[in-house]
Structure formats: C-alpha cells, structure tokens
Protein backbone atom coordinates (compact mmCIF):
# COMPACT_ATOMS: atom_id res chain seq x y z
CA MET A 1 -23.47 21.52 -14.56
CA VAL A 2 -25.11 22.23 -17.91
CA ALA A 3 -27.17 19.31 -19.21
CA PRO A 4 -25.75 17.69 -22.38
CA ARG A 5 -27.48 18.88 -25.52
CA PHE A 6 -27.12 18.80 -29.27
CA VAL A 7 -26.90 22.00 -31.23
CA LYS A 8 -26.36 22.80 -34.85
CA LEU A 9 -22.81 22.48 -36.17
CA PHE A 10 -21.29 25.91 -36.71
CA ALA A 11 -18.06 27.18 -38.20
CA VAL A 12 -15.46 29.22 -36.36
CA ALA A 13 -12.62 31.00 -38.14
CA ALA A 14 -9.22 29.55 -37.28
CA SER A 15 -5.65 29.72 -38.40
CA ALA A 16 -4.74 27.42 -41.26
CA ALA A 17 -1.44 26.60 -39.64
CA PHE A 18 -1.63 23.99 -36.92
CA VAL A 19 1.09 23.10 -34.48
CA CYS A 20 0.73 20.08 -32.24
CA SER A 21 3.12 20.45 -29.33
CA MET A 22 2.45 18.02 -26.51
CA ALA A 23 3.95 18.81 -23.13
CA GLY A 24 5.13 16.03 -20.84
CA VAL A 25 2.43 14.29 -18.86
CA PRO A 26 3.00 14.71 -15.14
CA ALA A 27 4.56 11.71 -13.45
CA TYR A 28 2.85 10.58 -10.28
CA ALA A 29 5.89 10.49 -8.03
CA LEU A 30 4.50 12.33 -5.02
CA THR A 31 3.92 10.19 -1.96
CA ASP A 32 0.19 9.92 -1.36
CA THR A 33 -1.69 11.58 1.47
CA ASN A 34 -4.68 9.31 1.84
CA LEU A 35 -7.57 11.68 2.49
CA ASP A 36 -10.08 8.86 2.27
CA GLU A 37 -8.82 7.52 5.59
CA THR A 38 -9.33 10.79 7.45
CA THR A 39 -12.26 11.36 9.74
CA GLY A 40 -14.34 14.47 9.38
CA ALA A 41 -13.49 14.70 5.70
CA SER A 42 -16.90 16.12 4.93
CA THR A 43 -15.88 19.43 6.41
CA GLY A 44 -13.81 20.19 3.32
CA THR A 45 -10.75 21.06 5.38
CA SER A 46 -7.43 19.33 5.67
CA ALA A 47 -7.37 16.61 8.30
CA ILE A 48 -3.77 15.51 8.06
CA THR A 49 -1.73 13.95 10.83
CA PRO A 50 1.85 13.30 9.68
CA THR A 51 3.08 9.90 10.77
CA SER A 52 6.51 9.87 9.18
CA THR A 53 9.49 10.32 11.47
CA ASP A 54 12.01 10.58 8.65
CA GLU A 55 13.89 13.74 9.59
CA SER A 56 15.44 13.98 6.13
CA SER A 57 12.07 14.55 4.50
CA SER A 58 11.50 18.11 3.32
CA LEU A 59 7.72 18.06 3.76
CA GLN A 60 6.97 19.95 6.92
CA ASN A 61 4.22 22.46 7.31
CA GLN A 62 5.62 25.95 7.16
CA PRO A 63 5.21 28.35 10.06
CA SER A 64 1.64 29.52 10.12
CA ALA A 65 0.98 32.97 8.74
CA ASP A 66 0.56 35.60 11.42
CA ASP A 67 -1.39 38.35 9.67
CA ALA A 68 -0.68 40.78 12.50
CA GLU A 69 3.08 40.58 11.88
CA SER A 70 3.32 39.77 8.14
CA MET A 71 3.31 41.83 4.98
CA PRO A 72 -0.01 41.56 3.09
CA ASP A 73 0.18 38.73 0.51
CA ASN A 74 3.64 37.80 1.86
CA PRO A 75 3.11 35.70 5.00
CA THR A 76 6.81 35.06 5.65
CA LYS A 77 7.88 38.71 5.31
CA ASP A 78 7.82 40.91 8.40
CA LEU A 79 5.98 44.21 8.49
CA PRO A 80 8.27 47.23 8.78
CA GLN A 81 8.50 48.97 12.13
CA THR A 82 7.55 52.26 10.47
CA VAL A 83 6.61 53.70 7.08
CA SER A 84 7.98 57.11 6.17
CA GLU A 85 5.47 59.93 5.73
CA GLU A 86 7.39 60.84 2.56
CA ILE A 87 6.05 57.76 0.77
CA PRO A 88 2.55 58.16 -0.75
CA ASP A 89 -0.13 55.62 0.02
CA ASP A 90 -0.47 54.63 -3.64
CA ALA A 91 3.23 53.73 -3.91
CA THR A 92 4.03 50.03 -4.26
CA VAL A 93 6.01 48.05 -1.71
CA VAL A 94 8.36 45.81 -3.72
CA SER A 95 10.41 44.25 -0.91
CA GLU A 96 10.60 44.30 2.87
CA GLU A 97 12.69 47.48 2.68
CA LEU A 98 11.71 49.26 -0.55
CA ALA A 99 8.76 51.04 -2.17
CA VAL A 100 8.41 52.56 -5.63
CA THR A 101 6.23 55.54 -6.52
CA ASP A 102 4.10 55.84 -9.65
CA ASP A 103 6.80 57.95 -11.30
CA GLY A 104 9.41 55.22 -10.74
CA GLU A 105 11.27 56.62 -7.71
CA VAL A 106 12.53 53.84 -5.45
CA MET A 107 12.52 54.78 -1.75
CA ASP A 108 13.57 53.23 1.52
CA LEU A 109 10.31 52.20 3.16
CA GLU A 110 11.23 53.36 6.66
CA THR A 111 13.42 56.44 6.02
CA GLY A 112 11.89 57.72 2.78
CA ASP A 113 15.38 58.15 1.27
CA THR A 114 15.66 57.75 -2.49
CA VAL A 115 17.55 54.60 -3.51
CA THR A 116 20.00 55.10 -6.38
CA GLU A 117 22.29 52.06 -6.24
CA PRO A 118 22.56 50.64 -9.79
CA GLN A 119 22.48 47.07 -8.53
CA ILE A 120 18.99 47.78 -7.19
CA VAL A 121 17.44 50.24 -9.65
CA GLY A 122 19.71 49.85 -12.68
CA THR A 123 20.81 52.67 -14.94
CA VAL A 124 18.88 54.44 -17.67
CA ASP A 125 20.43 52.11 -20.24
CA LYS A 126 20.38 48.84 -18.31
CA PRO A 127 17.96 47.44 -15.73
CA ALA A 128 19.09 45.64 -12.59
CA ASP A 129 18.52 41.99 -11.84
CA PRO A 130 14.92 42.17 -10.56
CA LEU A 131 15.69 39.74 -7.73
CA ALA A 132 18.51 41.90 -6.33
CA LYS A 133 16.12 44.06 -4.30
CA THR A 134 14.85 40.99 -2.42
CA ASP A 135 18.15 39.09 -2.20
CA GLY A 136 16.81 36.51 -4.61
CA GLU A 137 13.51 35.78 -2.88
CA SER A 138 10.11 36.21 -4.49
CA PHE A 139 7.93 39.03 -3.15
CA ILE A 140 4.40 39.93 -4.21
CA PRO A 141 4.15 43.74 -4.51
CA VAL A 142 1.45 45.46 -2.45
CA GLU A 143 0.34 49.05 -2.00
CA VAL A 144 1.76 51.13 0.85
CA ALA A 145 -1.79 51.78 2.05
CA GLU A 146 -2.30 48.03 2.54
CA VAL A 147 0.91 47.79 4.55
CA LYS A 148 -0.14 50.71 6.74
CA ASP A 149 -3.53 49.11 7.32
CA ALA A 150 -1.80 45.91 8.41
CA MET A 151 0.42 47.87 10.78
CA GLY A 152 -2.47 49.76 12.36
CA ASP A 153 -1.53 52.80 14.42
CA THR A 154 2.21 52.09 14.14
CA ALA A 155 2.40 53.00 10.44
CA THR A 156 3.63 56.58 10.70
CA ALA A 157 7.33 57.04 11.43
CA PRO A 158 8.12 59.16 14.50
CA GLU A 159 10.12 62.30 14.04
CA LEU A 160 13.62 61.80 15.45
CA ASP A 161 14.57 65.05 17.21
CA ASP A 162 17.97 63.92 18.39
CA ALA A 163 20.29 60.97 18.81
CA THR A 164 18.53 59.93 22.02
CA ASP A 165 15.21 59.56 20.21
CA ALA A 166 16.93 57.56 17.48
CA ALA A 167 18.45 55.23 20.06
CA ASP A 168 15.06 54.80 21.75
CA THR A 169 13.49 53.92 18.40
CA GLU A 170 16.23 51.37 17.69
CA ASP A 171 15.59 49.76 21.08
CA ALA A 172 11.89 49.64 20.28
CA GLU A 173 12.62 47.90 17.00
CA ASP A 174 14.69 45.28 18.79
CA ASP A 175 11.87 44.69 21.27
CA GLY A 176 9.32 44.37 18.47
CA ASP A 177 10.61 41.14 16.97
CA VAL A 178 7.94 38.45 17.09
CA ALA A 179 8.73 34.84 16.27
CA GLU A 180 6.29 33.07 13.97
CA SER A 181 4.39 30.24 15.58
CA GLN A 182 4.73 26.66 14.40
CA GLN A 183 1.54 24.84 13.40
CA ASP A 184 0.95 21.20 12.63
CA ALA A 185 -1.38 20.24 9.77
CA ALA A 186 -3.68 18.55 12.28
CA ASP A 187 -4.39 21.73 14.24
CA ASP A 188 -8.01 21.65 13.11
CA GLY A 189 -8.61 19.11 15.86
CA THR A 190 -9.31 16.15 13.60
CA ALA A 191 -7.72 12.95 14.85
CA GLY A 192 -7.14 9.50 13.45
CA ALA A 193 -5.85 10.38 9.99
CA VAL A 194 -3.41 7.94 8.48
CA VAL A 195 -1.14 9.68 6.01
CA ARG A 196 2.30 9.63 4.48
CA LEU A 197 4.24 12.72 3.59
CA ALA A 198 4.14 14.18 0.11
CA ALA A 199 7.25 15.52 -1.57
CA LEU A 200 7.03 19.27 -0.97
CA GLN A 201 5.81 21.50 1.83
CA ASN A 202 2.33 22.88 2.34
CA ASN A 203 1.99 26.65 2.64
CA SER A 204 1.54 29.01 5.57
CA TYR A 205 -2.18 29.51 5.00
CA GLY A 206 -3.19 25.86 4.94
CA ALA A 207 -3.05 24.93 1.25
CA TYR A 208 -1.94 21.32 1.22
CA TRP A 209 -0.93 18.20 -0.69
CA GLY A 210 -3.18 15.17 -0.76
CA THR A 211 -4.72 12.72 -3.23
CA TYR A 212 -7.68 12.90 -5.58
CA ASN A 213 -8.97 10.11 -7.85
CA GLY A 214 -5.94 8.07 -6.85
CA THR A 215 -3.41 10.66 -8.00
CA PRO A 216 -1.34 13.27 -6.14
CA ALA A 217 -3.28 16.49 -5.77
CA PHE A 218 -2.99 19.98 -4.31
CA PHE A 219 -5.83 21.63 -2.42
CA GLU A 220 -6.74 25.12 -1.33
CA ALA A 221 -7.04 25.54 2.44
CA ASP A 222 -10.80 24.95 2.47
CA GLY A 223 -10.43 21.61 0.68
CA THR A 224 -11.19 22.89 -2.84
CA LEU A 225 -9.23 20.93 -5.43
CA PHE A 226 -6.65 23.05 -7.23
CA VAL A 227 -5.09 20.30 -9.38
CA GLN A 228 -4.91 16.56 -9.61
CA GLN A 229 -2.13 14.60 -11.40
CA ALA A 230 -0.06 17.12 -9.45
CA LYS A 231 3.68 17.59 -9.52
CA GLY A 232 5.86 19.42 -7.03
CA VAL A 233 7.83 21.98 -9.05
CA ILE A 234 10.45 24.55 -8.05
CA ASP A 235 11.39 27.72 -9.92
CA VAL A 236 15.02 28.71 -9.77
CA SER A 237 17.59 31.31 -10.77
CA GLU A 238 21.23 32.13 -10.05
CA TRP A 239 20.10 33.24 -6.59
CA GLN A 240 19.73 29.59 -5.58
CA GLY A 241 23.42 29.13 -6.35
CA GLN A 242 24.81 25.88 -7.75
CA ILE A 243 22.06 23.36 -7.14
CA ASP A 244 22.74 19.70 -6.47
CA TRP A 245 19.97 18.52 -8.77
CA GLN A 246 20.38 14.86 -7.88
CA LYS A 247 19.70 15.65 -4.22
CA ALA A 248 16.77 17.86 -5.19
CA LYS A 249 15.28 15.10 -7.33
CA ASN A 250 15.79 12.56 -4.57
CA ASP A 251 14.04 14.96 -2.17
CA GLY A 252 10.89 14.94 -4.28
CA VAL A 253 11.37 17.70 -6.87
CA GLU A 254 9.42 16.60 -9.94
CA GLY A 255 9.92 19.59 -12.19
CA ALA A 256 11.62 22.97 -12.53
CA ILE A 257 10.93 26.33 -14.12
CA ILE A 258 14.35 27.81 -14.91
CA ARG A 259 15.05 31.52 -15.26
CA ILE A 260 17.01 32.08 -18.45
CA SER A 261 17.22 35.87 -18.46
CA TYR A 262 15.61 39.20 -17.68
CA GLY A 263 14.84 42.05 -20.08
CA TRP A 264 16.77 41.90 -23.32
CA ASP A 265 20.48 41.80 -24.20
CA ASN A 266 21.43 40.94 -20.63
CA GLY A 267 22.70 37.46 -21.42
CA PHE A 268 22.02 34.27 -19.52
CA ASP A 269 21.10 33.96 -15.87
CA LYS A 270 24.44 32.82 -14.41
CA GLN A 271 23.12 29.35 -13.57
CA ALA A 272 20.71 28.88 -16.48
CA LEU A 273 22.92 26.75 -18.73
CA ARG A 274 23.94 24.45 -15.89
CA ASN A 275 20.36 24.18 -14.58
CA ILE A 276 19.08 23.25 -18.04
CA SER A 277 21.87 20.73 -18.59
CA GLU A 278 21.32 19.06 -15.23
CA CYS A 279 17.56 18.78 -15.70
CA LYS A 280 18.13 17.18 -19.08
CA ARG A 281 20.74 14.79 -17.69
CA LEU A 282 18.58 13.66 -14.79
CA GLY A 283 15.29 13.58 -16.67
CA ILE A 284 13.69 16.34 -14.60
CA PRO A 285 10.84 17.95 -16.58
CA PHE A 286 11.45 21.66 -17.01
CA GLY A 287 10.16 24.92 -18.42
CA ILE A 288 11.76 28.33 -18.88
CA TYR A 289 10.93 31.84 -17.75
CA SER A 290 12.20 35.34 -18.39
CA TYR A 291 11.38 38.48 -16.40
CA SER A 292 10.05 41.31 -18.57
CA TYR A 293 11.15 44.93 -18.52
CA ALA A 294 9.17 45.77 -21.67
CA TYR A 295 7.26 49.05 -21.71
CA ASP A 296 5.78 48.78 -25.23
CA SER A 297 5.39 46.29 -28.08
CA THR A 298 8.77 47.22 -29.57
CA THR A 299 10.70 46.38 -26.41
CA ALA A 300 8.58 43.24 -25.99
CA ALA A 301 9.65 42.16 -29.48
CA TYR A 302 13.27 42.71 -28.39
CA GLU A 303 12.63 40.44 -25.42
CA GLY A 304 11.01 37.80 -27.62
CA ALA A 305 13.87 37.78 -30.09
CA ASP A 306 16.37 37.64 -27.24
CA MET A 307 14.52 34.70 -25.70
CA VAL A 308 14.63 32.77 -28.98
CA SER A 309 18.36 33.43 -29.29
CA LEU A 310 19.06 32.27 -25.73
CA LEU A 311 16.93 29.14 -26.08
CA ARG A 312 18.80 28.17 -29.24
CA GLN A 313 22.18 28.88 -27.67
CA ALA A 314 21.18 26.72 -24.71
CA GLY A 315 20.16 23.88 -27.02
CA VAL A 316 16.54 23.96 -25.85
CA GLN A 317 14.25 22.73 -28.59
CA PRO A 318 10.45 23.01 -28.35
CA GLY A 319 10.23 19.27 -27.73
CA ASP A 320 12.54 19.52 -24.71
CA LEU A 321 10.00 21.53 -22.74
CA SER A 322 7.57 19.76 -20.43
CA TYR A 323 6.35 23.13 -19.18
CA PRO A 324 5.84 26.34 -21.14
CA VAL A 325 8.17 29.20 -21.83
CA PHE A 326 6.73 31.72 -19.38
CA TYR A 327 6.65 35.49 -19.82
CA ASP A 328 7.07 36.88 -16.30
CA LEU A 329 5.05 40.11 -16.09
CA GLU A 330 5.36 42.11 -12.89
CA LYS A 331 5.45 45.74 -11.81
CA TRP A 332 9.14 46.43 -12.33
CA THR A 333 11.50 49.14 -11.13
CA TRP A 334 14.05 50.62 -13.53
CA THR A 335 15.56 54.08 -13.12
CA GLY A 336 14.42 56.49 -15.80
CA HIS A 337 11.54 54.26 -16.89
CA THR A 338 8.03 53.49 -15.65
CA PRO A 339 6.11 50.24 -16.15
CA PRO A 340 2.87 50.16 -18.13
CA THR A 341 -0.40 50.47 -16.26
CA SER A 342 -2.85 49.90 -19.11
CA PRO A 343 -4.09 46.42 -20.05
CA SER A 344 -4.23 47.51 -23.70
CA ILE A 345 -0.52 48.34 -23.67
CA TYR A 346 0.22 45.02 -22.00
CA ASP A 347 -1.87 43.28 -24.68
CA GLY A 348 0.49 44.68 -27.29
CA ILE A 349 3.50 43.61 -25.21
CA VAL A 350 2.27 40.04 -24.80
CA ASN A 351 1.24 39.68 -28.45
CA ALA A 352 4.61 40.97 -29.70
CA TRP A 353 6.53 38.56 -27.45
CA TYR A 354 4.32 35.63 -28.42
CA ALA A 355 4.77 36.39 -32.11
CA LYS A 356 8.56 36.15 -31.88
CA LEU A 357 8.46 32.83 -30.00
CA GLN A 358 5.78 31.29 -32.20
CA ALA A 359 7.60 32.25 -35.40
CA ALA A 360 10.61 30.33 -34.08
CA GLY A 361 8.55 27.21 -33.37
CA TYR A 362 8.03 27.66 -29.62
CA THR A 363 4.27 27.31 -29.22
CA ASN A 364 3.96 26.10 -25.63
CA LEU A 365 3.85 29.60 -24.14
CA SER A 366 2.22 31.19 -21.14
CA VAL A 367 2.12 34.25 -18.90
CA TYR A 368 3.15 34.24 -15.23
CA SER A 369 2.21 36.94 -12.72
CA TYR A 370 0.66 37.52 -9.31
CA THR A 371 -3.06 37.79 -8.82
CA SER A 372 -3.32 41.48 -7.88
CA TYR A 373 -1.46 42.49 -11.06
CA LEU A 374 -3.68 40.22 -13.13
CA ASP A 375 -6.66 42.07 -11.66
CA THR A 376 -5.28 45.50 -12.59
CA ALA A 377 -2.59 46.25 -15.18
CA LEU A 378 -2.92 42.80 -16.78
CA ASN A 379 -6.71 42.67 -16.63
CA SER A 380 -7.50 41.75 -20.23
CA ALA A 381 -9.13 38.58 -21.54
CA ASN A 382 -6.19 38.06 -23.88
CA ILE A 383 -3.64 37.99 -21.08
CA ARG A 384 -5.76 36.16 -18.51
CA ASN A 385 -6.51 33.40 -21.03
CA LYS A 386 -2.77 32.98 -21.59
CA THR A 387 -1.97 32.77 -17.88
CA ARG A 388 -1.26 29.24 -16.65
CA TRP A 389 0.96 30.04 -13.66
CA VAL A 390 0.23 32.46 -10.81
CA ALA A 391 1.82 33.48 -7.52
CA SER A 392 -0.51 33.71 -4.54
CA TYR A 393 0.82 33.15 -1.03
CA GLY A 394 -2.49 32.61 0.66
CA ALA A 395 -5.20 30.06 1.35
CA ARG A 396 -6.46 30.15 -2.24
CA ALA A 397 -4.99 30.65 -5.70
CA ASN A 398 -7.54 33.45 -6.27
CA PHE A 399 -7.41 33.28 -10.06
CA PRO A 400 -10.05 31.86 -12.46
CA PHE A 401 -7.82 29.89 -14.81
CA ALA A 402 -9.14 29.54 -18.36
CA THR A 403 -7.14 26.37 -18.97
CA ASN A 404 -7.25 22.89 -17.51
CA ASP A 405 -3.49 22.73 -16.94
CA ARG A 406 -2.24 25.25 -14.40
CA GLY A 407 0.40 26.03 -11.79
CA TRP A 408 0.27 27.76 -8.42
CA GLN A 409 3.37 29.28 -6.83
CA TYR A 410 2.08 28.89 -3.31
CA THR A 411 5.12 29.83 -1.22
CA SER A 412 8.52 31.49 -1.58
CA GLN A 413 9.95 29.79 1.49
CA GLY A 414 10.42 26.19 0.48
CA ASN A 415 13.31 24.07 1.74
CA VAL A 416 14.71 21.45 -0.62
CA ALA A 417 17.77 19.25 -0.29
CA GLY A 418 20.55 20.33 -2.64
CA ILE A 419 19.57 24.01 -2.46
CA GLN A 420 21.00 26.46 0.04
CA GLY A 421 18.41 28.86 1.39
CA SER A 422 14.78 29.12 0.36
CA VAL A 423 13.17 28.35 -2.99
CA ASP A 424 9.73 28.92 -4.52
CA LEU A 425 7.41 25.90 -4.41
CA ASN A 426 4.69 25.25 -6.97
CA ALA A 427 1.93 22.76 -7.63
CA PHE A 428 1.42 22.03 -11.34
CA GLY A 429 -1.24 19.72 -12.72
CA ASN A 430 -4.73 19.57 -14.19
CA LYS A 431 -8.09 20.56 -12.73
CA ALA A 432 -10.07 17.98 -14.70
CA GLY A 433 -9.17 14.31 -14.79
CA PHE A 434 -7.88 14.17 -18.35
CA VAL A 435 -4.17 15.00 -18.51
CA GLY A 436 -3.77 15.83 -22.21
CA ARG A 437 -3.09 19.30 -23.59
CA VAL A 438 -4.95 21.46 -26.05
CA GLU A 439 -2.64 23.08 -28.59
CA GLY A 440 -2.50 24.89 -31.91
CA SER A 441 -5.64 25.89 -33.78
CA ILE A 442 -7.86 23.69 -31.63
CA ARG A 443 -6.60 25.59 -28.60
CA ASP A 444 -7.39 28.90 -30.34
CA VAL A 445 -11.00 27.81 -30.91
CA TRP A 446 -11.33 26.37 -27.39
CA MET A 447 -9.98 29.54 -25.77
CA SER A 448 -12.24 31.76 -27.90
CA LEU A 449 -15.18 29.89 -26.38
CA GLY A 450 -14.01 30.39 -22.79
CA GLY A 451 -11.51 27.56 -22.25
CA VAL A 452 -12.16 25.07 -19.46
CA GLY A 453 -14.82 27.34 -17.95
CA GLY A 454 -16.59 27.89 -21.28
CA VAL A 455 -19.22 26.07 -23.31
CA LEU A 456 -16.89 23.21 -24.31
CA GLY A 457 -15.54 22.52 -20.81
CA ALA A 458 -12.36 20.56 -20.14
CA PRO A 459 -10.64 18.30 -22.67
CA ALA A 460 -11.90 14.71 -22.55
CA GLY A 461 -9.53 13.10 -25.03
CA ASP A 462 -6.32 13.54 -26.99
CA MET A 463 -6.05 15.43 -30.23
CA ARG A 464 -6.23 12.99 -33.14
CA TYR A 465 -5.59 13.21 -36.87
CA LEU A 466 -8.42 12.29 -39.23
CA GLU A 467 -7.73 11.14 -42.79
CA ALA A 468 -11.21 11.75 -44.17
CA ASN A 469 -12.19 14.82 -46.20
CA GLY A 470 -8.65 15.92 -46.91
CA GLY A 471 -7.35 15.46 -43.38
CA GLY A 472 -7.65 17.44 -40.19
CA TRP A 473 -7.48 17.31 -36.42
CA SER A 474 -10.19 16.65 -33.85
CA GLN A 475 -10.43 16.79 -30.06
CA VAL A 476 -13.29 15.84 -27.76
CA PHE A 477 -14.26 18.02 -24.79
CA GLU A 478 -16.76 17.62 -21.96
CA TYR A 479 -19.62 19.21 -23.90
CA GLY A 480 -18.57 19.04 -27.53
CA GLU A 481 -15.89 18.45 -30.15
CA VAL A 482 -13.64 20.72 -32.19
CA TYR A 483 -12.60 19.79 -35.73
CA VAL A 484 -9.94 21.72 -37.67
CA LYS A 485 -9.75 20.86 -41.36
CA LYS A 486 -6.26 20.80 -42.82
CA GLY A 487 -5.75 24.15 -44.50
CA GLY A 488 -9.26 25.28 -43.66
CA ALA A 489 -11.66 26.54 -41.03
CA ALA A 490 -12.63 24.99 -37.73
CA SER A 491 -16.03 23.69 -36.73
CA VAL A 492 -17.54 22.95 -33.33
CA SER A 493 -20.26 20.44 -32.48
CA MET A 494 -21.98 20.60 -29.11
CA GLN A 495 -23.67 17.73 -27.34
C-alpha cells in the first residue's frame, strides 16, 4: 500500500462533454455463507460445510474438475478420444468436436474432415449463430497442442485399415468413458463450519460464494476475494429456450446479461425481446451483449449501428441498464473470412463500435472475452481497460481488471430453476468496498492513470456536482480526487 501523500495539482486533458450514467447498485439478496464461523479460516481456502437440506435449492457444488479427462480451460467438457493428424497443432479447438485452422477451415477434431454445414460455419455472406457449434453452451477455445498435451500419448488417431479396426476403435471409445467425481465443498478436511447456501453454484475448481464485510462475496479457490457486494448473474440466449423468469428469480438469480444479436443485420436473438420484457416486469437487473463477427473498423461500425437500432426497437433506454452493453469478442469461425489476430486491428474495431453506441447515448459499455484471447489478439491497454467481464473456468479469474466493478463467468454448467439445461453463471460486484461507479470524463481521467490499480486507486465516494467556479464534477478516490470543470479540462489532486 502506498503511503498517502500530497503532490502538486496538475491538469489532465479531458473531454468537455460529460455523461453521468449510474448503473444499478447490486442488491444483497444472496444468502450468506458465514466464513467468520469456520475453523481454519487462516489457511485462505474455503472451509464450507453445507447444512441446508432443501433439495429445491440450486446451490450445489459442481462435479470437481478432472484435469486428466477434461478439455483445457473447460472442466466439464470431455477430451476427445483422438485428434486427427490432419489438424495442425496451432489450430484452435472451438467445441468438443470441432477445430478451426488459421486460414478459417473448420474441421472435425477426430476425423479431420472439413465441416461445411451452413448452420455451423455460415456462408460467405452470412455467419452462423456462434453458439450452434456447441449446441448453445459456452466453450473457451484452446489450441490443439494443448488438447494433445492433456491427452498424453492417446492424441494421435490410429489409422483404420478396415472395418474390423474401426469397430475395435468404437469399442475402445465406449470403454473410455469416465464419470466425473462428485466433491463436497468441505473436502479440504475442515470441520465445524456453520453456513447457509448462497443462491448460485460454486465452480468445478473451487471458486466459491461466501461473505465479506457483511455482504455477499465471491472468492477464488485459494480464498482471494474476487468481488464483494456480489450478485449471482446468468447470461442467456435463445439456446436457453423460453425461460420462466419468475422461477429463476425465486431460485436466486439476481441479474441477467441478455444476448440481443450476433454480427450485424441478423435481427434479434429469438428470445431477446421476451427476456428483456420479463426482466423489466420482474425487476431483474439486466445488461445486454452481442457477439462480434467484425474483422475491421468498418464492420465494427456496422455492428455498433445495428446494436443501437436493436436496443431502440426493444425499448431499452440507457437508464434501463443495470449492467453494461457488452461487446463479445472471441475467435470466431465464418466461412470465407478469418478473424483478426492483431491487437491494433481490434483496437480499431472496439473504438468504432464504442463510437456508435456513445453517439446514441449508451455510455455504460464494456468488452467481454476469455482470458487467453485477452492475452493475445486483444492484448492492448485500450481493450483491457474496457474489459469488465471475463470467462475463466478455473480456480482463478486470471485477469488484472482495471476497474473496481467486474464480472466473472466462472462456469458454463449452472442449473437454475425455470431454465431447461445448463446456463452460464457469473459473479458480478466490486473489488473495493465502495459500490459507486465511475463514468464519463472522470472515468476517462481515472482510466488514463491506471484505473483501480493505478495511482488513484478505487473510488471512495460518489460523483458530485459542484456549483463553484462555473460548475463541474468531482469524485474522491483512495489516493486522490478528480475534478472536471464544466466545459473545460480535468485536474487531479493526490493525497
């Protein structure tokens, strides 16, 4: 911790326009897990013994991840029995069955056959629903080489000389099924904990719900706080079917991120309008996301304009959003096209999309992606500073957020009443104790100085309007204060 100090007031250039868009403050509806009553808490690990016998509750620990049988970064997805020698090691596995090469060819992971079905790879003129290749489930792409490493000596597919060999291989596949083991949250051997169940499940690698400073919280597996003032949030699309939102809310869902579209000019997700309407009706805080197929700033601008049009058609005003409008950036597959690989190109894509949304009054914006993509194709300060939601199905979030408010998609295998099949589970909240947001020009200054991990630290108070000297806005942070004069520059004082 840096010692408080006073330094000379200095000016920082900032936009004259200032937009103050406050997102909804998380409600504290999660049932507490009282970590203070656990023994052995000093170890920093979860010491949770569930005491509830309510079989209707959806909080159960998921099957523990078996690294020997699971896809890297995807603990609930089985490794393939074989990987075809036709698929290069630097190709990307995008589902349990499919891989895509650097030139955009989609191949069956085990046979090496090229996949051409439009519902999976699209056509030159129109991309496919990105969730079609995984039957609606989220999957974090990984390199073929990583999958082979996880498989060990079984990675290379045997040559099938005749039908007998093929039958033998099929029998071997049947014999190779391994059931995932079940693990209770108290498997670390700690006894005597008195807890009550939180609203959503933990994940397969030990990340868990608890309490911190008297509020619901989510922790990484080693006990590191991810967020306090935490809310259990699901993200949904048409692949979850027609959701009974009342049941979902009653089961502990405290927020939703709703897919509205993918690409541009593809219309609404088939359930988007109903999902938005139901969340409004039931008072469930929500945000919006759209999956990007942009390959340059021009196509990103198309996506931004399309997003604005869809939001307006859906009757979603900026003030309706408790969570941001998220730009979902992933390594996509689209026949005849290849995704960008350069952070500089992605910078142009993100900036073009942001510009369209901001011009229409939507200023609560963010990027969503998975950590390995943020470390490669999206590895720019501009994009990383805009990222407030990540997917990481492991023991840790593995991303150095620049902002206080943040979300972690920690599993794709949640079970929630009112939803058939699995659904992504997320923990959204704030790392520091203060729950307010930083927006507009003050946010621009704060982010330019490193955000929550920078010289100003986390926000320590709300933005406030000051009448003196022609008017302006001020916000206090851990180590200083930002002042933005109305129609003028910003200044920062450190303490």
